[in-house]
Amino acid sequence: MSEHVEWSEPEGTAPAATAAVTPADAADAARLVSFGLQPKLQPARDQEYADLLRRYREDPPFARLADAVATGLGLIVLEVSPRAGMAVTAAEDSVFAVRMGDYARRTSADGGDRFLHGLAHLAVAAMAFPRPEDLADDGYIGRVTVNGVDAFVRQACRRLEERAAEQGENTDPATDAPGLEAAWRIWVRRSATGATKDARRLAGSTTGIVAKAVAFLTESGFLQRTGDDNGGTYRTTARYQLQVRDMAGSAAMAELLELGVVPVTDGTPTLLPPEESDDLELVADAGLPFHSS
């Protein structure tokens, strides 16, 4: 009997061997998530952040706790690494989610511009990572320019318009119903610069819209400004690559890529002759890194 007791006792107490989660552990996990919500913060420049990242990688129970905190806040953990930090993105129902409609309303009262802002973000992503292998390569750095993105979209617009004309489709829908127009049709009608008398770029011009997009991405830690040429030059960050990977399956981005984007490194656009395929319409309200509603 005594031998049975000696065998049963360790077995019964085994679960208690797992250390209980302490308030300090929960605080550290929440602290790590809070660092992840500061996209410009680099682990290499913050010792506490680097220590918590190390703990995440080396302590599985702590990693699960941090993941649970993120999930409770409506966040999706894309990657936890020294290069990207704790990279998170907001789920659609998260309080941290950014809506395309809200973003567009902050920039213009024109309902048609909602399409344009979404298209600008999609074009930046497509130009930054034009090939699947670029998106998959952790060491790849994409480069874009404001004028280059606008030129790329205009080339895409011309190609889509040519397709519509070849297939006998209506290329000039009612101007009083912009919501029924494809985004590319709205874009091509808008002035590229619309400069004021003192040569300032108008916010409602297409380059102004692209500039707003890249400024937002820069403030969000997705891009880094590298110069002023061609309306502003930018390079991608690890966080932006992860964000685009997460959204790469969206129909609207696929439509842009299917037009045939030549890989570039200096932010200038070029289109390859596209393969034969059905004509495409851009999805309304779609745009990185936003949710549509």
Protein backbone atom coordinates (compact mmCIF):
# COMPACT_ATOMS: atom_id res chain seq x y z
CA MET A 1 0.00 0.00 0.00
CA SER A 2 2.78 2.41 0.89
CA GLU A 3 4.38 1.87 -2.51
CA HIS A 4 1.07 2.80 -4.17
CA VAL A 5 0.90 6.03 -2.19
CA GLU A 6 4.44 6.95 -3.09
CA TRP A 7 3.63 6.44 -6.79
CA SER A 8 0.33 8.35 -6.72
CA GLU A 9 1.56 11.40 -4.85
CA PRO A 10 4.00 12.74 -7.49
CA GLU A 11 1.45 12.02 -10.20
CA GLY A 12 -1.25 13.95 -8.42
CA THR A 13 0.97 16.95 -7.73
CA ALA A 14 2.50 17.18 -11.22
CA PRO A 15 0.08 19.88 -12.46
CA ALA A 16 1.01 22.03 -9.49
CA ALA A 17 4.61 22.00 -10.71
CA THR A 18 3.64 24.51 -13.42
CA ALA A 19 4.22 27.97 -12.02
CA ALA A 20 1.08 30.03 -11.63
CA VAL A 21 0.71 33.22 -13.61
CA THR A 22 1.46 36.17 -11.40
CA PRO A 23 0.23 39.74 -11.71
CA ALA A 24 3.80 40.68 -12.60
CA ASP A 25 3.73 38.21 -15.50
CA ALA A 26 0.45 39.66 -16.75
CA ALA A 27 1.87 43.16 -16.47
CA ASP A 28 4.95 42.18 -18.46
CA ALA A 29 2.82 40.53 -21.15
CA ALA A 30 0.64 43.63 -21.43
CA ARG A 31 3.76 45.77 -21.51
CA LEU A 32 5.09 43.78 -24.46
CA VAL A 33 1.82 44.19 -26.33
CA SER A 34 1.91 47.92 -25.60
CA PHE A 35 5.36 48.07 -27.19
CA GLY A 36 3.90 46.31 -30.22
CA LEU A 37 1.34 49.09 -30.52
CA GLN A 38 4.16 51.63 -30.88
CA PRO A 39 5.29 50.80 -34.42
CA LYS A 40 8.14 53.29 -34.50
CA LEU A 41 9.73 51.86 -31.38
CA GLN A 42 12.73 49.70 -32.25
CA PRO A 43 13.76 46.86 -29.91
CA ALA A 44 17.43 47.60 -30.56
CA ARG A 45 16.95 51.03 -28.97
CA ASP A 46 14.89 49.99 -25.95
CA GLN A 47 16.41 47.50 -23.51
CA GLU A 48 13.12 46.66 -21.78
CA TYR A 49 11.49 45.91 -25.13
CA ALA A 50 14.43 43.71 -26.16
CA ASP A 51 14.32 41.84 -22.83
CA LEU A 52 10.60 41.15 -23.14
CA LEU A 53 11.05 39.93 -26.72
CA ARG A 54 13.76 37.56 -25.51
CA ARG A 55 11.50 36.29 -22.78
CA TYR A 56 8.72 35.74 -25.30
CA ARG A 57 11.00 33.59 -27.43
CA GLU A 58 12.52 31.64 -24.55
CA ASP A 59 9.54 31.27 -22.20
CA PRO A 60 6.57 29.51 -23.90
CA PRO A 61 4.08 30.13 -21.03
CA PHE A 62 4.91 33.84 -21.17
CA ALA A 63 4.52 33.81 -24.95
CA ARG A 64 1.07 32.24 -24.61
CA LEU A 65 0.13 34.85 -22.04
CA ALA A 66 1.24 37.72 -24.30
CA ASP A 67 -0.66 36.20 -27.21
CA ALA A 68 -3.77 35.96 -25.03
CA VAL A 69 -3.47 39.62 -24.03
CA ALA A 70 -3.18 40.59 -27.70
CA THR A 71 -6.18 38.44 -28.62
CA GLY A 72 -8.24 40.01 -25.86
CA LEU A 73 -7.51 43.43 -27.33
CA GLY A 74 -8.59 42.32 -30.79
CA LEU A 75 -5.04 42.16 -32.14
CA ILE A 76 -3.45 39.56 -34.39
CA VAL A 77 0.22 38.80 -33.74
CA LEU A 78 2.00 38.70 -37.10
CA GLU A 79 5.53 38.10 -35.82
CA VAL A 80 7.65 38.46 -32.71
CA SER A 81 11.31 38.92 -33.58
CA PRO A 82 14.25 41.28 -33.08
CA ARG A 83 13.76 42.71 -36.58
CA ALA A 84 10.05 43.51 -36.29
CA GLY A 85 9.48 43.61 -32.54
CA MET A 86 6.02 42.43 -31.60
CA ALA A 87 4.28 43.14 -34.87
CA VAL A 88 0.52 43.20 -34.46
CA THR A 89 -2.39 44.13 -36.67
CA ALA A 90 -5.93 44.93 -35.62
CA ALA A 91 -8.71 42.46 -36.26
CA GLU A 92 -11.82 43.85 -37.91
CA ASP A 93 -13.72 44.12 -34.63
CA SER A 94 -10.82 45.59 -32.67
CA VAL A 95 -10.97 49.02 -31.08
CA PHE A 96 -7.60 49.61 -32.75
CA ALA A 97 -8.91 48.94 -36.27
CA VAL A 98 -8.59 51.82 -38.72
CA ARG A 99 -11.52 52.18 -41.10
CA MET A 100 -11.02 53.30 -44.67
CA GLY A 101 -14.10 55.49 -44.41
CA ASP A 102 -12.80 57.29 -41.32
CA TYR A 103 -9.40 57.81 -42.91
CA ALA A 104 -10.93 59.21 -46.09
CA ARG A 105 -13.29 61.51 -44.22
CA ARG A 106 -10.34 63.05 -42.39
CA THR A 107 -8.82 64.00 -45.73
CA SER A 108 -11.78 65.08 -47.83
CA ALA A 109 -15.55 65.42 -47.81
CA ASP A 110 -15.77 64.06 -51.36
CA GLY A 111 -17.22 60.56 -51.29
CA GLY A 112 -15.36 59.65 -54.46
CA ASP A 113 -12.06 60.21 -52.74
CA ARG A 114 -12.73 57.18 -50.56
CA PHE A 115 -11.94 55.04 -53.58
CA LEU A 116 -8.84 57.05 -54.38
CA HIS A 117 -7.32 56.76 -50.93
CA GLY A 118 -7.88 53.01 -50.91
CA LEU A 119 -6.32 52.69 -54.35
CA ALA A 120 -3.30 54.76 -53.27
CA HIS A 121 -2.58 52.39 -50.40
CA LEU A 122 -2.98 49.35 -52.62
CA ALA A 123 -0.66 50.84 -55.23
CA VAL A 124 2.02 51.61 -52.63
CA ALA A 125 1.89 47.99 -51.42
CA ALA A 126 1.97 46.59 -54.95
CA MET A 127 4.95 48.73 -55.92
CA ALA A 128 6.79 48.04 -52.67
CA PHE A 129 6.53 44.26 -53.11
CA PRO A 130 5.85 43.59 -56.80
CA ARG A 131 6.79 39.89 -56.76
CA PRO A 132 5.80 37.06 -54.39
CA GLU A 133 9.48 36.35 -53.75
CA ASP A 134 10.00 39.96 -52.62
CA LEU A 135 7.22 39.61 -50.11
CA ALA A 136 8.61 36.30 -48.85
CA ASP A 137 12.21 37.53 -48.49
CA ASP A 138 12.77 38.93 -44.98
CA GLY A 139 15.78 40.87 -46.25
CA TYR A 140 13.97 42.58 -49.12
CA ILE A 141 13.50 46.35 -48.86
CA GLY A 142 10.97 47.93 -51.18
CA ARG A 143 11.26 51.53 -52.34
CA VAL A 144 8.53 53.84 -53.58
CA THR A 145 8.13 57.48 -54.51
CA VAL A 146 5.02 59.64 -54.46
CA ASN A 147 5.28 60.52 -58.15
CA GLY A 148 6.14 56.93 -59.01
CA VAL A 149 3.02 55.56 -57.33
CA ASP A 150 0.84 58.12 -59.12
CA ALA A 151 2.45 57.30 -62.48
CA PHE A 152 1.97 53.58 -61.85
CA VAL A 153 -1.74 53.99 -61.10
CA ARG A 154 -2.20 56.15 -64.20
CA GLN A 155 -0.52 53.50 -66.36
CA ALA A 156 -2.79 50.90 -64.82
CA CYS A 157 -5.78 53.18 -65.47
CA ARG A 158 -4.88 53.48 -69.15
CA ARG A 159 -4.52 49.73 -69.48
CA LEU A 160 -7.86 49.05 -67.79
CA GLU A 161 -9.53 51.68 -69.94
CA GLU A 162 -8.10 50.06 -73.07
CA ARG A 163 -9.49 46.72 -71.97
CA ALA A 164 -12.91 48.20 -71.31
CA ALA A 165 -12.93 49.87 -74.74
CA GLU A 166 -11.86 46.65 -76.47
CA GLN A 167 -14.68 44.78 -74.80
CA GLY A 168 -17.22 47.49 -75.59
CA GLU A 169 -17.88 48.42 -71.98
CA ASN A 170 -19.10 51.82 -70.86
CA THR A 171 -16.00 53.81 -69.96
CA ASP A 172 -17.89 56.96 -69.00
CA PRO A 173 -20.54 56.17 -66.38
CA ALA A 174 -22.77 58.79 -64.84
CA THR A 175 -20.69 61.50 -63.24
CA ASP A 176 -23.33 62.13 -60.59
CA ALA A 177 -22.92 58.62 -59.17
CA PRO A 178 -19.23 58.25 -58.32
CA GLY A 179 -19.99 55.26 -56.12
CA LEU A 180 -20.82 53.27 -59.24
CA GLU A 181 -17.55 54.09 -60.97
CA ALA A 182 -14.49 51.92 -60.72
CA ALA A 183 -11.77 53.61 -58.69
CA TRP A 184 -9.45 53.82 -61.67
CA ARG A 185 -11.99 55.88 -63.60
CA ILE A 186 -12.14 58.42 -60.80
CA TRP A 187 -8.35 58.54 -60.50
CA VAL A 188 -7.66 59.23 -64.16
CA ARG A 189 -10.02 62.21 -64.14
CA ARG A 190 -8.30 63.84 -61.17
CA SER A 191 -5.41 66.28 -61.65
CA ALA A 192 -2.02 64.79 -60.81
CA THR A 193 -0.83 67.85 -58.90
CA GLY A 194 -3.34 70.68 -59.03
CA ALA A 195 -0.66 72.99 -57.68
CA THR A 196 -1.64 76.28 -56.10
CA LYS A 197 -0.23 79.62 -57.20
CA ASP A 198 2.74 79.14 -54.89
CA ALA A 199 3.40 75.67 -56.35
CA ARG A 200 2.10 73.79 -53.33
CA ARG A 201 0.57 70.38 -54.04
CA LEU A 202 -3.18 70.26 -53.52
CA ALA A 203 -4.36 67.64 -51.03
CA GLY A 204 -7.11 66.56 -53.42
CA SER A 205 -4.75 65.92 -56.35
CA THR A 206 -3.68 62.33 -56.94
CA THR A 207 -0.11 63.01 -55.83
CA GLY A 208 -1.58 64.76 -52.78
CA ILE A 209 -3.59 61.63 -52.02
CA VAL A 210 -0.52 59.42 -52.44
CA ALA A 211 1.47 61.78 -50.21
CA LYS A 212 -1.21 61.45 -47.54
CA ALA A 213 -1.02 57.67 -47.82
CA VAL A 214 2.75 57.45 -47.46
CA ALA A 215 2.71 59.99 -44.63
CA PHE A 216 0.20 57.82 -42.77
CA LEU A 217 2.30 54.71 -43.41
CA THR A 218 5.39 56.53 -42.18
CA GLU A 219 3.65 57.68 -39.01
CA SER A 220 2.47 54.09 -38.50
CA GLY A 221 6.01 52.70 -38.74
CA PHE A 222 5.43 50.98 -42.09
CA LEU A 223 7.63 53.25 -44.22
CA GLN A 224 10.70 55.39 -43.62
CA ARG A 225 11.25 58.61 -45.57
CA THR A 226 14.62 58.64 -47.30
CA GLY A 227 14.54 61.80 -49.44
CA ASP A 228 12.56 64.48 -51.24
CA ASP A 229 13.07 63.42 -54.87
CA ASN A 230 10.02 62.60 -57.00
CA GLY A 231 7.60 63.99 -54.47
CA GLY A 232 9.19 62.06 -51.61
CA THR A 233 11.08 58.76 -51.49
CA TYR A 234 10.41 55.99 -48.99
CA ARG A 235 11.67 52.55 -48.02
CA THR A 236 9.69 49.74 -46.44
CA THR A 237 10.09 48.37 -42.92
CA ALA A 238 9.77 44.82 -41.61
CA ARG A 239 6.38 45.72 -40.15
CA TYR A 240 5.04 46.84 -43.51
CA GLN A 241 6.22 43.63 -45.16
CA LEU A 242 4.37 41.62 -42.52
CA GLN A 243 1.26 43.80 -42.97
CA VAL A 244 1.28 43.33 -46.74
CA ARG A 245 1.83 39.59 -46.35
CA ASP A 246 -1.22 39.46 -44.14
CA MET A 247 -3.34 41.28 -46.73
CA ALA A 248 -1.75 39.97 -49.92
CA GLY A 249 -4.69 37.70 -50.62
CA SER A 250 -7.10 40.60 -50.98
CA ALA A 251 -8.86 40.73 -54.32
CA ALA A 252 -8.02 44.37 -54.97
CA MET A 253 -4.28 43.93 -54.49
CA ALA A 254 -4.30 40.82 -56.66
CA GLU A 255 -5.97 42.82 -59.40
CA LEU A 256 -3.19 45.41 -59.42
CA LEU A 257 -0.47 42.78 -59.42
CA GLU A 258 -2.11 40.87 -62.26
CA LEU A 259 -1.61 43.91 -64.48
CA GLY A 260 2.09 43.03 -64.51
CA VAL A 261 4.30 45.20 -62.33
CA VAL A 262 7.98 45.18 -63.23
CA PRO A 263 10.22 44.75 -60.15
CA VAL A 264 11.79 48.10 -59.33
CA THR A 265 14.23 49.37 -56.73
CA ASP A 266 14.06 53.14 -57.15
CA GLY A 267 10.34 53.75 -56.84
CA THR A 268 9.69 54.29 -60.56
CA PRO A 269 6.79 52.40 -62.17
CA THR A 270 6.66 50.22 -65.25
CA LEU A 271 4.01 47.83 -66.49
CA LEU A 272 4.70 44.56 -68.26
CA PRO A 273 2.32 43.44 -71.03
CA PRO A 274 -0.31 41.62 -68.97
CA GLU A 275 -1.30 38.03 -69.59
CA GLU A 276 -4.70 37.42 -71.09
CA SER A 277 -7.31 37.58 -68.37
CA ASP A 278 -10.78 38.88 -67.68
CA ASP A 279 -11.15 42.60 -67.09
CA LEU A 280 -11.03 43.62 -63.47
CA GLU A 281 -12.75 46.12 -61.27
CA LEU A 282 -11.16 47.40 -58.10
CA VAL A 283 -13.02 46.56 -54.95
CA ALA A 284 -14.65 49.60 -53.36
CA ASP A 285 -13.26 50.65 -49.98
CA ALA A 286 -10.38 48.16 -50.15
CA GLY A 287 -7.04 49.47 -49.01
CA LEU A 288 -4.02 48.62 -46.88
CA PRO A 289 -3.93 48.66 -43.92
CA PHE A 290 -7.61 49.38 -43.41
CA HIS A 291 -10.83 47.48 -42.86
CA SER A 292 -13.58 48.29 -45.31
CA SER A 293 -16.50 49.14 -43.06
